[in-house]
Amino acid sequence: MAPQLATFSDWHIIVLALIVVLLFGGKKLPEVARGLGEAMREFKKASRDLHEDPPDTASRPAPPAPVQQTTAAPQHNSEPKQG
């Protein structure tokens, strides 16, 4: 006969619920449950977005172009200054 480690009886669930109520209190329990639900929704949304949409590469800025050195001689203005 195989041991049944993952099964909970009704008494296990009742004792666990009593411990949770004692730890968090009756007034705090709905806030904790609400926060847990919101966190689970955000996690599911983020994981779904990762699987559905690949990262958008068009919104990333392009890397700066390398500066090219020129070896041309400087150009001088051949017109005389009037003044």
PDB file of N, CA and C in Angstrom:
ATOM      1  N   MET A   1       0.837  -1.173   0.000  1.00  0.00           N
ATOM      2  CA  MET A   1       0.000   0.000   0.000  1.00  0.00           C
ATOM      3  C   MET A   1       0.893   1.251   0.000  1.00  0.00           C
ATOM      4  N   ALA A   2       0.659   2.176  -0.932  1.00  0.00           N
ATOM      5  CA  ALA A   2       1.469   3.375  -1.073  1.00  0.00           C
ATOM      6  C   ALA A   2       1.039   4.439  -0.065  1.00  0.00           C
ATOM      7  N   PRO A   3       1.997   5.180   0.499  1.00  0.00           N
ATOM      8  CA  PRO A   3       1.621   6.241   1.439  1.00  0.00           C
ATOM      9  C   PRO A   3       0.910   7.386   0.709  1.00  0.00           C
ATOM     10  N   GLN A   4      -0.074   7.971   1.329  1.00  0.00           N
ATOM     11  CA  GLN A   4      -0.836   9.064   0.733  1.00  0.00           C
ATOM     12  C   GLN A   4      -0.404  10.376   1.388  1.00  0.00           C
ATOM     13  N   LEU A   5       0.616  10.985   0.850  1.00  0.00           N
ATOM     14  CA  LEU A   5       1.163  12.203   1.433  1.00  0.00           C
ATOM     15  C   LEU A   5       0.423  13.458   0.982  1.00  0.00           C
ATOM     16  N   ALA A   6      -0.165  13.434  -0.203  1.00  0.00           N
ATOM     17  CA  ALA A   6      -0.753  14.641  -0.763  1.00  0.00           C
ATOM     18  C   ALA A   6      -2.242  14.776  -0.472  1.00  0.00           C
ATOM     19  N   THR A   7      -2.825  13.880   0.294  1.00  0.00           N
ATOM     20  CA  THR A   7      -4.251  13.982   0.574  1.00  0.00           C
ATOM     21  C   THR A   7      -4.480  14.666   1.905  1.00  0.00           C
ATOM     22  N   PHE A   8      -5.458  15.538   1.932  1.00  0.00           N
ATOM     23  CA  PHE A   8      -5.842  16.240   3.152  1.00  0.00           C
ATOM     24  C   PHE A   8      -7.253  15.813   3.538  1.00  0.00           C
ATOM     25  N   SER A   9      -7.427  15.558   4.797  1.00  0.00           N
ATOM     26  CA  SER A   9      -8.772  15.257   5.266  1.00  0.00           C
ATOM     27  C   SER A   9      -9.457  16.568   5.649  1.00  0.00           C
ATOM     28  N   ASP A  10     -10.704  16.493   6.019  1.00  0.00           N
ATOM     29  CA  ASP A  10     -11.444  17.688   6.407  1.00  0.00           C
ATOM     30  C   ASP A  10     -10.820  18.351   7.630  1.00  0.00           C
ATOM     31  N   TRP A  11     -10.311  17.547   8.557  1.00  0.00           N
ATOM     32  CA  TRP A  11      -9.698  18.089   9.762  1.00  0.00           C
ATOM     33  C   TRP A  11      -8.431  18.879   9.449  1.00  0.00           C
ATOM     34  N   HIS A  12      -7.676  18.423   8.473  1.00  0.00           N
ATOM     35  CA  HIS A  12      -6.460  19.161   8.093  1.00  0.00           C
ATOM     36  C   HIS A  12      -6.821  20.549   7.585  1.00  0.00           C
ATOM     37  N   ILE A  13      -7.837  20.613   6.750  1.00  0.00           N
ATOM     38  CA  ILE A  13      -8.240  21.891   6.162  1.00  0.00           C
ATOM     39  C   ILE A  13      -8.786  22.821   7.245  1.00  0.00           C
ATOM     40  N   ILE A  14      -9.561  22.290   8.183  1.00  0.00           N
ATOM     41  CA  ILE A  14     -10.117  23.119   9.262  1.00  0.00           C
ATOM     42  C   ILE A  14      -9.007  23.667  10.151  1.00  0.00           C
ATOM     43  N   VAL A  15      -8.046  22.828  10.515  1.00  0.00           N
ATOM     44  CA  VAL A  15      -6.934  23.277  11.357  1.00  0.00           C
ATOM     45  C   VAL A  15      -6.097  24.323  10.615  1.00  0.00           C
ATOM     46  N   LEU A  16      -5.857  24.120   9.348  1.00  0.00           N
ATOM     47  CA  LEU A  16      -5.091  25.081   8.553  1.00  0.00           C
ATOM     48  C   LEU A  16      -5.822  26.417   8.464  1.00  0.00           C
ATOM     49  N   ALA A  17      -7.132  26.389   8.269  1.00  0.00           N
ATOM     50  CA  ALA A  17      -7.918  27.625   8.204  1.00  0.00           C
ATOM     51  C   ALA A  17      -7.884  28.353   9.541  1.00  0.00           C
ATOM     52  N   LEU A  18      -7.974  27.619  10.646  1.00  0.00           N
ATOM     53  CA  LEU A  18      -7.909  28.252  11.965  1.00  0.00           C
ATOM     54  C   LEU A  18      -6.551  28.912  12.210  1.00  0.00           C
ATOM     55  N   ILE A  19      -5.495  28.264  11.784  1.00  0.00           N
ATOM     56  CA  ILE A  19      -4.157  28.841  11.947  1.00  0.00           C
ATOM     57  C   ILE A  19      -4.025  30.127  11.138  1.00  0.00           C
ATOM     58  N   VAL A  20      -4.547  30.126   9.909  1.00  0.00           N
ATOM     59  CA  VAL A  20      -4.482  31.324   9.068  1.00  0.00           C
ATOM     60  C   VAL A  20      -5.269  32.465   9.699  1.00  0.00           C
ATOM     61  N   VAL A  21      -6.465  32.177  10.226  1.00  0.00           N
ATOM     62  CA  VAL A  21      -7.275  33.210  10.865  1.00  0.00           C
ATOM     63  C   VAL A  21      -6.573  33.744  12.110  1.00  0.00           C
ATOM     64  N   LEU A  22      -5.947  32.879  12.864  1.00  0.00           N
ATOM     65  CA  LEU A  22      -5.229  33.338  14.054  1.00  0.00           C
ATOM     66  C   LEU A  22      -4.020  34.200  13.702  1.00  0.00           C
ATOM     67  N   LEU A  23      -3.333  33.849  12.629  1.00  0.00           N
ATOM     68  CA  LEU A  23      -2.149  34.616  12.234  1.00  0.00           C
ATOM     69  C   LEU A  23      -2.511  35.995  11.689  1.00  0.00           C
ATOM     70  N   PHE A  24      -3.492  36.047  10.793  1.00  0.00           N
ATOM     71  CA  PHE A  24      -3.800  37.301  10.108  1.00  0.00           C
ATOM     72  C   PHE A  24      -4.964  38.059  10.732  1.00  0.00           C
ATOM     73  N   GLY A  25      -5.831  37.402  11.442  1.00  0.00           N
ATOM     74  CA  GLY A  25      -6.992  38.070  12.017  1.00  0.00           C
ATOM     75  C   GLY A  25      -8.130  38.100  11.010  1.00  0.00           C
ATOM     76  N   GLY A  26      -9.338  38.210  11.506  1.00  0.00           N
ATOM     77  CA  GLY A  26     -10.522  38.182  10.650  1.00  0.00           C
ATOM     78  C   GLY A  26     -10.641  39.391   9.743  1.00  0.00           C
ATOM     79  N   LYS A  27     -10.201  40.560  10.222  1.00  0.00           N
ATOM     80  CA  LYS A  27     -10.321  41.777   9.416  1.00  0.00           C
ATOM     81  C   LYS A  27      -9.259  41.853   8.331  1.00  0.00           C
ATOM     82  N   LYS A  28      -8.114  41.319   8.589  1.00  0.00           N
ATOM     83  CA  LYS A  28      -6.997  41.412   7.640  1.00  0.00           C
ATOM     84  C   LYS A  28      -7.074  40.355   6.542  1.00  0.00           C
ATOM     85  N   LEU A  29      -7.803  39.283   6.789  1.00  0.00           N
ATOM     86  CA  LEU A  29      -7.857  38.160   5.863  1.00  0.00           C
ATOM     87  C   LEU A  29      -8.387  38.535   4.471  1.00  0.00           C
ATOM     88  N   PRO A  30      -9.478  39.330   4.331  1.00  0.00           N
ATOM     89  CA  PRO A  30      -9.923  39.715   2.982  1.00  0.00           C
ATOM     90  C   PRO A  30      -8.886  40.551   2.227  1.00  0.00           C
ATOM     91  N   GLU A  31      -8.153  41.407   2.941  1.00  0.00           N
ATOM     92  CA  GLU A  31      -7.122  42.209   2.287  1.00  0.00           C
ATOM     93  C   GLU A  31      -5.986  41.330   1.764  1.00  0.00           C
ATOM     94  N   VAL A  32      -5.611  40.342   2.557  1.00  0.00           N
ATOM     95  CA  VAL A  32      -4.548  39.422   2.148  1.00  0.00           C
ATOM     96  C   VAL A  32      -4.991  38.623   0.919  1.00  0.00           C
ATOM     97  N   ALA A  33      -6.237  38.142   0.935  1.00  0.00           N
ATOM     98  CA  ALA A  33      -6.756  37.364  -0.199  1.00  0.00           C
ATOM     99  C   ALA A  33      -6.848  38.233  -1.447  1.00  0.00           C
ATOM    100  N   ARG A  34      -7.271  39.480  -1.294  1.00  0.00           N
ATOM    101  CA  ARG A  34      -7.380  40.390  -2.437  1.00  0.00           C
ATOM    102  C   ARG A  34      -5.997  40.659  -3.033  1.00  0.00           C
ATOM    103  N   GLY A  35      -5.024  40.912  -2.190  1.00  0.00           N
ATOM    104  CA  GLY A  35      -3.663  41.162  -2.668  1.00  0.00           C
ATOM    105  C   GLY A  35      -3.067  39.952  -3.365  1.00  0.00           C
ATOM    106  N   LEU A  36      -3.365  38.758  -2.811  1.00  0.00           N
ATOM    107  CA  LEU A  36      -2.879  37.538  -3.445  1.00  0.00           C
ATOM    108  C   LEU A  36      -3.517  37.333  -4.814  1.00  0.00           C
ATOM    109  N   GLY A  37      -4.815  37.625  -4.913  1.00  0.00           N
ATOM    110  CA  GLY A  37      -5.507  37.498  -6.205  1.00  0.00           C
ATOM    111  C   GLY A  37      -4.962  38.455  -7.241  1.00  0.00           C
ATOM    112  N   GLU A  38      -4.695  39.704  -6.842  1.00  0.00           N
ATOM    113  CA  GLU A  38      -4.133  40.685  -7.775  1.00  0.00           C
ATOM    114  C   GLU A  38      -2.739  40.277  -8.223  1.00  0.00           C
ATOM    115  N   ALA A  39      -1.944  39.760  -7.319  1.00  0.00           N
ATOM    116  CA  ALA A  39      -0.595  39.324  -7.672  1.00  0.00           C
ATOM    117  C   ALA A  39      -0.646  38.161  -8.662  1.00  0.00           C
ATOM    118  N   MET A  40      -1.582  37.230  -8.440  1.00  0.00           N
ATOM    119  CA  MET A  40      -1.702  36.100  -9.365  1.00  0.00           C
ATOM    120  C   MET A  40      -2.155  36.562 -10.747  1.00  0.00           C
ATOM    121  N   ARG A  41      -3.083  37.530 -10.795  1.00  0.00           N
ATOM    122  CA  ARG A  41      -3.536  38.055 -12.090  1.00  0.00           C
ATOM    123  C   ARG A  41      -2.398  38.726 -12.835  1.00  0.00           C
ATOM    124  N   GLU A  42      -1.612  39.546 -12.139  1.00  0.00           N
ATOM    125  CA  GLU A  42      -0.472  40.217 -12.775  1.00  0.00           C
ATOM    126  C   GLU A  42       0.552  39.207 -13.282  1.00  0.00           C
ATOM    127  N   PHE A  43       0.806  38.173 -12.501  1.00  0.00           N
ATOM    128  CA  PHE A  43       1.764  37.154 -12.919  1.00  0.00           C
ATOM    129  C   PHE A  43       1.277  36.424 -14.164  1.00  0.00           C
ATOM    130  N   LYS A  44      -0.007  36.059 -14.193  1.00  0.00           N
ATOM    131  CA  LYS A  44      -0.557  35.370 -15.356  1.00  0.00           C
ATOM    132  C   LYS A  44      -0.521  36.265 -16.586  1.00  0.00           C
ATOM    133  N   LYS A  45      -0.843  37.550 -16.396  1.00  0.00           N
ATOM    134  CA  LYS A  45      -0.825  38.492 -17.520  1.00  0.00           C
ATOM    135  C   LYS A  45       0.587  38.638 -18.079  1.00  0.00           C
ATOM    136  N   ALA A  46       1.559  38.764 -17.194  1.00  0.00           N
ATOM    137  CA  ALA A  46       2.946  38.930 -17.645  1.00  0.00           C
ATOM    138  C   ALA A  46       3.436  37.677 -18.360  1.00  0.00           C
ATOM    139  N   SER A  47       3.109  36.507 -17.846  1.00  0.00           N
ATOM    140  CA  SER A  47       3.564  35.280 -18.504  1.00  0.00           C
ATOM    141  C   SER A  47       2.855  35.089 -19.837  1.00  0.00           C
ATOM    142  N   ARG A  48       1.577  35.467 -19.913  1.00  0.00           N
ATOM    143  CA  ARG A  48       0.850  35.357 -21.180  1.00  0.00           C
ATOM    144  C   ARG A  48       1.419  36.326 -22.216  1.00  0.00           C
ATOM    145  N   ASP A  49       1.766  37.545 -21.783  1.00  0.00           N
ATOM    146  CA  ASP A  49       2.356  38.520 -22.698  1.00  0.00           C
ATOM    147  C   ASP A  49       3.706  38.049 -23.219  1.00  0.00           C
ATOM    148  N   LEU A  50       4.477  37.393 -22.384  1.00  0.00           N
ATOM    149  CA  LEU A  50       5.778  36.887 -22.832  1.00  0.00           C
ATOM    150  C   LEU A  50       5.629  35.806 -23.890  1.00  0.00           C
ATOM    151  N   HIS A  51       4.616  34.958 -23.734  1.00  0.00           N
ATOM    152  CA  HIS A  51       4.438  33.870 -24.689  1.00  0.00           C
ATOM    153  C   HIS A  51       3.765  34.334 -25.977  1.00  0.00           C
ATOM    154  N   GLU A  52       2.909  35.345 -25.925  1.00  0.00           N
ATOM    155  CA  GLU A  52       2.175  35.777 -27.113  1.00  0.00           C
ATOM    156  C   GLU A  52       2.971  36.754 -27.969  1.00  0.00           C
ATOM    157  N   ASP A  53       3.528  37.791 -27.367  1.00  0.00           N
ATOM    158  CA  ASP A  53       4.190  38.842 -28.125  1.00  0.00           C
ATOM    159  C   ASP A  53       5.698  38.760 -27.946  1.00  0.00           C
ATOM    160  N   PRO A  54       6.440  38.633 -29.065  1.00  0.00           N
ATOM    161  CA  PRO A  54       7.903  38.710 -28.936  1.00  0.00           C
ATOM    162  C   PRO A  54       8.292  40.150 -28.614  1.00  0.00           C
ATOM    163  N   PRO A  55       9.453  40.364 -28.063  1.00  0.00           N
ATOM    164  CA  PRO A  55       9.885  41.729 -27.739  1.00  0.00           C
ATOM    165  C   PRO A  55       9.910  42.591 -28.991  1.00  0.00           C
ATOM    166  N   ASP A  56       9.447  43.801 -28.863  1.00  0.00           N
ATOM    167  CA  ASP A  56       9.379  44.722 -29.998  1.00  0.00           C
ATOM    168  C   ASP A  56      10.740  45.360 -30.211  1.00  0.00           C
ATOM    169  N   THR A  57      11.402  45.001 -31.312  1.00  0.00           N
ATOM    170  CA  THR A  57      12.726  45.552 -31.579  1.00  0.00           C
ATOM    171  C   THR A  57      12.641  46.898 -32.274  1.00  0.00           C
ATOM    172  N   ALA A  58      11.475  47.252 -32.852  1.00  0.00           N
ATOM    173  CA  ALA A  58      11.350  48.528 -33.552  1.00  0.00           C
ATOM    174  C   ALA A  58      11.337  49.699 -32.573  1.00  0.00           C
ATOM    175  N   SER A  59      10.926  49.499 -31.355  1.00  0.00           N
ATOM    176  CA  SER A  59      10.847  50.595 -30.401  1.00  0.00           C
ATOM    177  C   SER A  59      12.190  50.885 -29.742  1.00  0.00           C
ATOM    178  N   ARG A  60      13.155  50.022 -29.915  1.00  0.00           N
ATOM    179  CA  ARG A  60      14.476  50.259 -29.334  1.00  0.00           C
ATOM    180  C   ARG A  60      15.232  51.290 -30.168  1.00  0.00           C
ATOM    181  N   PRO A  61      15.971  52.187 -29.533  1.00  0.00           N
ATOM    182  CA  PRO A  61      16.753  53.143 -30.314  1.00  0.00           C
ATOM    183  C   PRO A  61      17.920  52.446 -31.007  1.00  0.00           C
ATOM    184  N   ALA A  62      18.226  52.930 -32.189  1.00  0.00           N
ATOM    185  CA  ALA A  62      19.327  52.352 -32.953  1.00  0.00           C
ATOM    186  C   ALA A  62      20.646  52.739 -32.293  1.00  0.00           C
ATOM    187  N   PRO A  63      21.640  51.856 -32.354  1.00  0.00           N
ATOM    188  CA  PRO A  63      22.939  52.214 -31.780  1.00  0.00           C
ATOM    189  C   PRO A  63      23.577  53.339 -32.585  1.00  0.00           C
ATOM    190  N   PRO A  64      24.384  54.171 -31.961  1.00  0.00           N
ATOM    191  CA  PRO A  64      25.000  55.283 -32.697  1.00  0.00           C
ATOM    192  C   PRO A  64      25.942  54.765 -33.774  1.00  0.00           C
ATOM    193  N   ALA A  65      25.946  55.473 -34.898  1.00  0.00           N
ATOM    194  CA  ALA A  65      26.805  55.094 -36.017  1.00  0.00           C
ATOM    195  C   ALA A  65      28.254  55.428 -35.659  1.00  0.00           C
ATOM    196  N   PRO A  66      29.194  54.597 -36.088  1.00  0.00           N
ATOM    197  CA  PRO A  66      30.601  54.888 -35.783  1.00  0.00           C
ATOM    198  C   PRO A  66      31.064  56.142 -36.526  1.00  0.00           C
ATOM    199  N   VAL A  67      31.911  56.908 -35.881  1.00  0.00           N
ATOM    200  CA  VAL A  67      32.438  58.138 -36.469  1.00  0.00           C
ATOM    201  C   VAL A  67      33.555  57.767 -37.432  1.00  0.00           C
ATOM    202  N   GLN A  68      33.471  58.307 -38.652  1.00  0.00           N
ATOM    203  CA  GLN A  68      34.491  58.007 -39.659  1.00  0.00           C
ATOM    204  C   GLN A  68      35.463  59.172 -39.737  1.00  0.00           C
ATOM    205  N   GLN A  69      36.749  58.851 -39.681  1.00  0.00           N
ATOM    206  CA  GLN A  69      37.794  59.853 -39.772  1.00  0.00           C
ATOM    207  C   GLN A  69      38.054  60.159 -41.249  1.00  0.00           C
ATOM    208  N   THR A  70      38.123  61.438 -41.602  1.00  0.00           N
ATOM    209  CA  THR A  70      38.449  61.824 -42.980  1.00  0.00           C
ATOM    210  C   THR A  70      39.868  62.384 -42.997  1.00  0.00           C
ATOM    211  N   THR A  71      40.559  62.146 -44.103  1.00  0.00           N
ATOM    212  CA  THR A  71      41.949  62.613 -44.221  1.00  0.00           C
ATOM    213  C   THR A  71      42.066  63.740 -45.242  1.00  0.00           C
ATOM    214  N   ALA A  72      40.961  64.343 -45.659  1.00  0.00           N
ATOM    215  CA  ALA A  72      41.003  65.432 -46.641  1.00  0.00           C
ATOM    216  C   ALA A  72      41.608  66.678 -45.993  1.00  0.00           C
ATOM    217  N   ALA A  73      42.307  67.452 -46.803  1.00  0.00           N
ATOM    218  CA  ALA A  73      42.936  68.681 -46.317  1.00  0.00           C
ATOM    219  C   ALA A  73      41.847  69.704 -46.020  1.00  0.00           C
ATOM    220  N   PRO A  74      42.043  70.540 -45.020  1.00  0.00           N
ATOM    221  CA  PRO A  74      41.039  71.570 -44.721  1.00  0.00           C
ATOM    222  C   PRO A  74      40.906  72.550 -45.872  1.00  0.00           C
ATOM    223  N   GLN A  75      39.704  72.995 -46.138  1.00  0.00           N
ATOM    224  CA  GLN A  75      39.453  73.926 -47.239  1.00  0.00           C
ATOM    225  C   GLN A  75      39.477  75.355 -46.699  1.00  0.00           C
ATOM    226  N   HIS A  76      40.177  76.239 -47.460  1.00  0.00           N
ATOM    227  CA  HIS A  76      40.256  77.646 -47.066  1.00  0.00           C
ATOM    228  C   HIS A  76      39.424  78.460 -48.019  1.00  0.00           C
ATOM    229  N   ASN A  77      38.838  79.509 -47.501  1.00  0.00           N
ATOM    230  CA  ASN A  77      38.048  80.409 -48.328  1.00  0.00           C
ATOM    231  C   ASN A  77      39.005  81.292 -49.118  1.00  0.00           C
ATOM    232  N   SER A  78      38.930  81.244 -50.433  1.00  0.00           N
ATOM    233  CA  SER A  78      39.898  81.994 -51.275  1.00  0.00           C
ATOM    234  C   SER A  78      39.477  83.444 -51.507  1.00  0.00           C
ATOM    235  N   GLU A  79      38.300  83.824 -51.084  1.00  0.00           N
ATOM    236  CA  GLU A  79      37.869  85.215 -51.284  1.00  0.00           C
ATOM    237  C   GLU A  79      38.473  86.088 -50.171  1.00  0.00           C
ATOM    238  N   PRO A  80      39.010  87.243 -50.562  1.00  0.00           N
ATOM    239  CA  PRO A  80      39.571  88.144 -49.542  1.00  0.00           C
ATOM    240  C   PRO A  80      38.452  88.780 -48.715  1.00  0.00           C
ATOM    241  N   LYS A  81      38.757  89.067 -47.476  1.00  0.00           N
ATOM    242  CA  LYS A  81      37.787  89.697 -46.621  1.00  0.00           C
ATOM    243  C   LYS A  81      37.722  91.189 -46.926  1.00  0.00           C
ATOM    244  N   GLN A  82      36.524  91.702 -46.916  1.00  0.00           N
ATOM    245  CA  GLN A  82      36.340  93.147 -47.129  1.00  0.00           C
ATOM    246  C   GLN A  82      36.014  93.774 -45.786  1.00  0.00           C
ATOM    247  N   GLY A  83      36.657  94.836 -45.518  1.00  0.00           N
ATOM    248  CA  GLY A  83      36.298  95.408 -44.264  1.00  0.00           C
ATOM    249  C   GLY A  83      36.904  96.638 -43.952  1.00  0.00           C
TER     250      GLY A  83
END
